[in-house]
């Protein structure tokens, strides 16, 4: 089964911005320097690509704990940066 990803930006602006890191030393690479490309790439890499299991607590209408269940998440929705098109976060 494949994870369904809603609101995925297929051609984000950040991919057209060159990396400004100097890869000769870790001291001149992201996150120690501000590199928009690498920051956006890191955010994109955080998006899961396979369904995953979560554990949820169930409460009654009075807020008292009832039980814990596990369920599989098969669909997520991304929140994207309006300026660069990178992923700011995701939810299920």
Protein backbone atom coordinates (compact mmCIF):
# COMPACT_ATOMS: atom_id res chain seq x y z
CA UNK A 1 0.00 0.00 0.00
CA UNK A 2 1.24 3.49 -0.83
CA UNK A 3 0.83 6.60 1.32
CA UNK A 4 -1.47 9.19 -0.30
CA UNK A 5 0.01 12.71 -0.02
CA UNK A 6 -2.37 15.64 -0.54
CA UNK A 7 -1.25 19.18 -1.46
CA UNK A 8 2.22 18.08 -2.67
CA UNK A 9 3.99 20.81 -4.64
CA UNK A 10 5.45 19.01 -7.66
CA UNK A 11 7.62 21.92 -8.87
CA UNK A 12 8.60 24.05 -5.85
CA UNK A 13 10.68 27.20 -6.25
CA UNK A 14 13.30 26.05 -3.73
CA UNK A 15 14.56 23.37 -6.16
CA UNK A 16 15.61 26.17 -8.54
CA UNK A 17 17.60 27.98 -5.83
CA UNK A 18 21.25 26.85 -5.76
CA UNK A 19 22.86 25.46 -2.62
CA UNK A 20 25.16 28.01 -0.95
CA UNK A 21 27.00 25.55 1.27
CA UNK A 22 30.72 24.97 1.02
CA UNK A 23 30.98 21.20 1.41
CA UNK A 24 34.70 21.31 2.25
CA UNK A 25 33.89 21.61 5.96
CA UNK A 26 30.88 20.92 8.19
CA UNK A 27 31.35 24.42 9.59
CA UNK A 28 30.39 25.90 6.22
CA UNK A 29 27.31 23.72 5.62
CA UNK A 30 23.67 23.87 6.62
CA UNK A 31 22.51 24.13 9.43
CA UNK A 32 25.51 26.19 10.55
CA UNK A 33 25.01 28.54 7.61
CA UNK A 34 21.67 29.73 6.28
CA UNK A 35 21.07 27.84 3.03
CA UNK A 36 17.50 28.05 1.71
CA UNK A 37 17.99 25.08 -0.62
CA UNK A 38 19.27 22.74 2.12
CA UNK A 39 16.67 23.94 4.63
CA UNK A 40 13.85 23.19 2.17
CA UNK A 41 15.44 19.86 1.18
CA UNK A 42 15.53 18.83 4.85
CA UNK A 43 11.83 19.69 5.18
CA UNK A 44 10.97 17.68 2.07
CA UNK A 45 12.96 14.71 3.38
CA UNK A 46 10.79 14.71 6.53
CA UNK A 47 7.68 13.75 4.52
CA UNK A 48 6.92 10.04 5.03
CA UNK A 49 6.49 7.93 1.91
CA UNK A 50 4.95 4.78 3.43
CA UNK A 51 1.87 4.25 5.61
CA UNK A 52 2.67 4.24 9.33
CA UNK A 53 1.06 3.15 12.60
CA UNK A 54 0.06 5.64 15.31
CA UNK A 55 -1.17 5.05 18.85
CA UNK A 56 -4.15 7.14 19.94
CA UNK A 57 -5.83 7.56 23.30
CA UNK A 58 -9.64 7.48 23.25
CA UNK A 59 -11.57 9.56 25.80
CA UNK A 60 -15.26 9.58 26.71
CA UNK A 61 -17.43 12.70 26.46
CA UNK A 62 -16.34 13.74 29.98
CA UNK A 63 -12.65 13.63 29.10
CA UNK A 64 -11.91 10.39 30.97
CA UNK A 65 -9.50 7.96 29.36
CA UNK A 66 -11.25 4.96 27.81
CA UNK A 67 -8.70 3.02 25.78
CA UNK A 68 -5.65 3.13 23.57
CA UNK A 69 -5.95 2.07 19.93
CA UNK A 70 -3.51 1.72 17.07
CA UNK A 71 -4.40 2.69 13.54
CA UNK A 72 -2.63 2.91 10.22
CA UNK A 73 -2.27 6.32 8.59
CA UNK A 74 -2.61 5.97 4.81
CA UNK A 75 -3.17 9.63 3.88
CA UNK A 76 -1.49 12.89 4.91
CA UNK A 77 -1.95 16.54 3.92
CA UNK A 78 1.00 18.89 3.54
CA UNK A 79 1.18 22.54 4.56
CA UNK A 80 3.52 24.32 2.15
CA UNK A 81 5.52 27.56 2.32
CA UNK A 82 3.91 30.14 0.05
CA UNK A 83 7.27 31.72 -0.82
CA UNK A 84 9.45 28.70 -1.68
CA UNK A 85 6.91 25.86 -1.95
CA UNK A 86 8.68 23.69 0.61
CA UNK A 87 6.88 21.58 3.18
CA UNK A 88 6.27 23.42 6.47
CA UNK A 89 4.52 20.45 8.05
CA UNK A 90 2.03 17.69 7.54
CA UNK A 91 -0.95 16.19 9.30
CA UNK A 92 -3.21 13.18 9.10
